[in-house]
Amino acid sequence: MARDLFRAHAQLRAAAAQLSDEEVAAAISADGSAETEVASDSAGLEISTADAAMRLGLTRERVCQLLNAGDLLGRKSGKAWRVHAPSVDDLIESRRAA
């Protein structure tokens, strides 16, 4: 079952990478829970894993784990991740609310 979920997640990420920014924004649900990628950094919405880690008070490795799990939105740029900055803000807010 976990392998099927991983495969489905990878297929969602591949499909999202082919969408335009507008299509990606429309695909993300109002609560930001959709597991998808941000197609590009045209609006300055992406930050490095180091910046995300600093904002969240976590290690870069933990940020990468959250990205792989779909708890943060982002995309791979070569070997590095680019993190969707609003998803970092959403995670911070959800932690404050908890």
C-alpha atoms as a PDB file:
ATOM      1  CA  MET A   1       0.000   0.000   0.000  1.00  0.00           C
ATOM      2  CA  ALA A   2       2.794   2.446   0.865  1.00  0.00           C
ATOM      3  CA  ARG A   3       4.443   1.756  -2.484  1.00  0.00           C
ATOM      4  CA  ASP A   4       1.150   2.571  -4.269  1.00  0.00           C
ATOM      5  CA  LEU A   5       0.839   5.836  -2.329  1.00  0.00           C
ATOM      6  CA  PHE A   6       4.429   6.759  -3.163  1.00  0.00           C
ATOM      7  CA  ARG A   7       3.803   6.023  -6.847  1.00  0.00           C
ATOM      8  CA  ALA A   8       0.601   8.115  -6.850  1.00  0.00           C
ATOM      9  CA  HIS A   9       2.420  10.963  -5.122  1.00  0.00           C
ATOM     10  CA  ALA A  10       5.182  10.873  -7.747  1.00  0.00           C
ATOM     11  CA  GLN A  11       2.591  10.909 -10.536  1.00  0.00           C
ATOM     12  CA  LEU A  12       0.893  13.947  -8.988  1.00  0.00           C
ATOM     13  CA  ARG A  13       4.213  15.763  -8.751  1.00  0.00           C
ATOM     14  CA  ALA A  14       5.053  14.960 -12.384  1.00  0.00           C
ATOM     15  CA  ALA A  15       1.646  16.177 -13.554  1.00  0.00           C
ATOM     16  CA  ALA A  16       1.941  19.374 -11.507  1.00  0.00           C
ATOM     17  CA  ALA A  17       5.337  20.126 -13.021  1.00  0.00           C
ATOM     18  CA  GLN A  18       3.652  20.335 -16.425  1.00  0.00           C
ATOM     19  CA  LEU A  19       1.014  22.848 -15.304  1.00  0.00           C
ATOM     20  CA  SER A  20       1.247  26.613 -15.580  1.00  0.00           C
ATOM     21  CA  ASP A  21       1.431  28.722 -12.397  1.00  0.00           C
ATOM     22  CA  GLU A  22      -2.254  29.594 -12.717  1.00  0.00           C
ATOM     23  CA  GLU A  23      -3.253  25.957 -13.097  1.00  0.00           C
ATOM     24  CA  VAL A  24      -1.162  25.007 -10.063  1.00  0.00           C
ATOM     25  CA  ALA A  25      -2.726  27.782  -7.979  1.00  0.00           C
ATOM     26  CA  ALA A  26      -6.188  26.611  -9.027  1.00  0.00           C
ATOM     27  CA  ALA A  27      -5.308  23.001  -8.118  1.00  0.00           C
ATOM     28  CA  ILE A  28      -4.284  23.875  -4.576  1.00  0.00           C
ATOM     29  CA  SER A  29      -7.266  23.652  -2.284  1.00  0.00           C
ATOM     30  CA  ALA A  30      -8.343  26.556  -0.099  1.00  0.00           C
ATOM     31  CA  ASP A  31      -6.670  25.030   2.950  1.00  0.00           C
ATOM     32  CA  GLY A  32      -3.436  24.363   1.007  1.00  0.00           C
ATOM     33  CA  SER A  33      -3.601  20.626   1.575  1.00  0.00           C
ATOM     34  CA  ALA A  34      -3.077  19.534  -2.037  1.00  0.00           C
ATOM     35  CA  GLU A  35       0.154  17.658  -2.669  1.00  0.00           C
ATOM     36  CA  THR A  36       1.487  19.385  -5.740  1.00  0.00           C
ATOM     37  CA  GLU A  37       4.426  21.416  -6.898  1.00  0.00           C
ATOM     38  CA  VAL A  38       4.875  25.029  -7.755  1.00  0.00           C
ATOM     39  CA  ALA A  39       5.820  25.135 -11.421  1.00  0.00           C
ATOM     40  CA  SER A  40       8.114  28.155 -11.350  1.00  0.00           C
ATOM     41  CA  ASP A  41       9.426  31.050  -9.305  1.00  0.00           C
ATOM     42  CA  SER A  42       7.952  33.762 -11.538  1.00  0.00           C
ATOM     43  CA  ALA A  43       6.286  35.548  -8.626  1.00  0.00           C
ATOM     44  CA  GLY A  44       9.168  35.080  -6.173  1.00  0.00           C
ATOM     45  CA  LEU A  45       7.269  32.449  -4.219  1.00  0.00           C
ATOM     46  CA  GLU A  46      10.164  30.049  -3.766  1.00  0.00           C
ATOM     47  CA  ILE A  47      12.874  29.989  -1.127  1.00  0.00           C
ATOM     48  CA  SER A  48      15.813  27.698  -0.431  1.00  0.00           C
ATOM     49  CA  THR A  49      15.643  24.827   2.026  1.00  0.00           C
ATOM     50  CA  ALA A  50      18.089  26.758   4.230  1.00  0.00           C
ATOM     51  CA  ASP A  51      15.729  29.756   4.323  1.00  0.00           C
ATOM     52  CA  ALA A  52      12.741  27.508   5.012  1.00  0.00           C
ATOM     53  CA  ALA A  53      14.657  25.746   7.782  1.00  0.00           C
ATOM     54  CA  MET A  54      15.564  29.061   9.394  1.00  0.00           C
ATOM     55  CA  ARG A  55      11.958  30.311   9.254  1.00  0.00           C
ATOM     56  CA  LEU A  56      10.627  27.039  10.682  1.00  0.00           C
ATOM     57  CA  GLY A  57      13.364  26.532  13.265  1.00  0.00           C
ATOM     58  CA  LEU A  58      14.249  23.152  11.754  1.00  0.00           C
ATOM     59  CA  THR A  59      17.225  21.576  10.036  1.00  0.00           C
ATOM     60  CA  ARG A  60      17.534  21.516   6.250  1.00  0.00           C
ATOM     61  CA  GLU A  61      17.288  17.741   6.418  1.00  0.00           C
ATOM     62  CA  ARG A  62      13.940  17.960   8.236  1.00  0.00           C
ATOM     63  CA  VAL A  63      12.659  20.435   5.639  1.00  0.00           C
ATOM     64  CA  CYS A  64      13.592  17.931   2.906  1.00  0.00           C
ATOM     65  CA  GLN A  65      11.704  15.230   4.804  1.00  0.00           C
ATOM     66  CA  LEU A  66       8.629  17.486   4.959  1.00  0.00           C
ATOM     67  CA  LEU A  67       8.931  18.143   1.220  1.00  0.00           C
ATOM     68  CA  ASN A  68       9.213  14.433   0.420  1.00  0.00           C
ATOM     69  CA  ALA A  69       6.215  13.711   2.652  1.00  0.00           C
ATOM     70  CA  GLY A  70       4.145  16.415   0.952  1.00  0.00           C
ATOM     71  CA  ASP A  71       3.796  18.453   4.151  1.00  0.00           C
ATOM     72  CA  LEU A  72       5.556  21.353   2.408  1.00  0.00           C
ATOM     73  CA  LEU A  73       5.133  22.278  -1.234  1.00  0.00           C
ATOM     74  CA  GLY A  74       8.158  22.647  -3.455  1.00  0.00           C
ATOM     75  CA  ARG A  75       9.981  21.421  -6.502  1.00  0.00           C
ATOM     76  CA  LYS A  76      13.330  19.905  -7.296  1.00  0.00           C
ATOM     77  CA  SER A  77      15.759  22.141  -9.140  1.00  0.00           C
ATOM     78  CA  GLY A  78      18.581  19.810 -10.063  1.00  0.00           C
ATOM     79  CA  LYS A  79      19.511  18.131  -6.779  1.00  0.00           C
ATOM     80  CA  ALA A  80      18.222  20.993  -4.622  1.00  0.00           C
ATOM     81  CA  TRP A  81      14.692  21.718  -3.488  1.00  0.00           C
ATOM     82  CA  ARG A  82      12.971  25.071  -3.978  1.00  0.00           C
ATOM     83  CA  VAL A  83      10.329  25.528  -1.287  1.00  0.00           C
ATOM     84  CA  HIS A  84       6.987  27.244  -1.891  1.00  0.00           C
ATOM     85  CA  ALA A  85       7.203  30.119   0.616  1.00  0.00           C
ATOM     86  CA  PRO A  86       3.439  30.346   1.323  1.00  0.00           C
ATOM     87  CA  SER A  87       3.432  26.668   2.331  1.00  0.00           C
ATOM     88  CA  VAL A  88       6.095  27.510   4.939  1.00  0.00           C
ATOM     89  CA  ASP A  89       3.848  30.297   6.245  1.00  0.00           C
ATOM     90  CA  ASP A  90       0.889  27.884   6.316  1.00  0.00           C
ATOM     91  CA  LEU A  91       2.910  25.359   8.331  1.00  0.00           C
ATOM     92  CA  ILE A  92       3.965  28.065  10.794  1.00  0.00           C
ATOM     93  CA  GLU A  93       0.343  29.141  11.207  1.00  0.00           C
ATOM     94  CA  SER A  94      -0.875  25.569  11.704  1.00  0.00           C
ATOM     95  CA  ARG A  95       1.745  25.061  14.419  1.00  0.00           C
ATOM     96  CA  ARG A  96       0.624  28.230  16.192  1.00  0.00           C
ATOM     97  CA  ALA A  97      -2.984  27.089  16.076  1.00  0.00           C
ATOM     98  CA  ALA A  98      -2.144  23.669  17.541  1.00  0.00           C
END
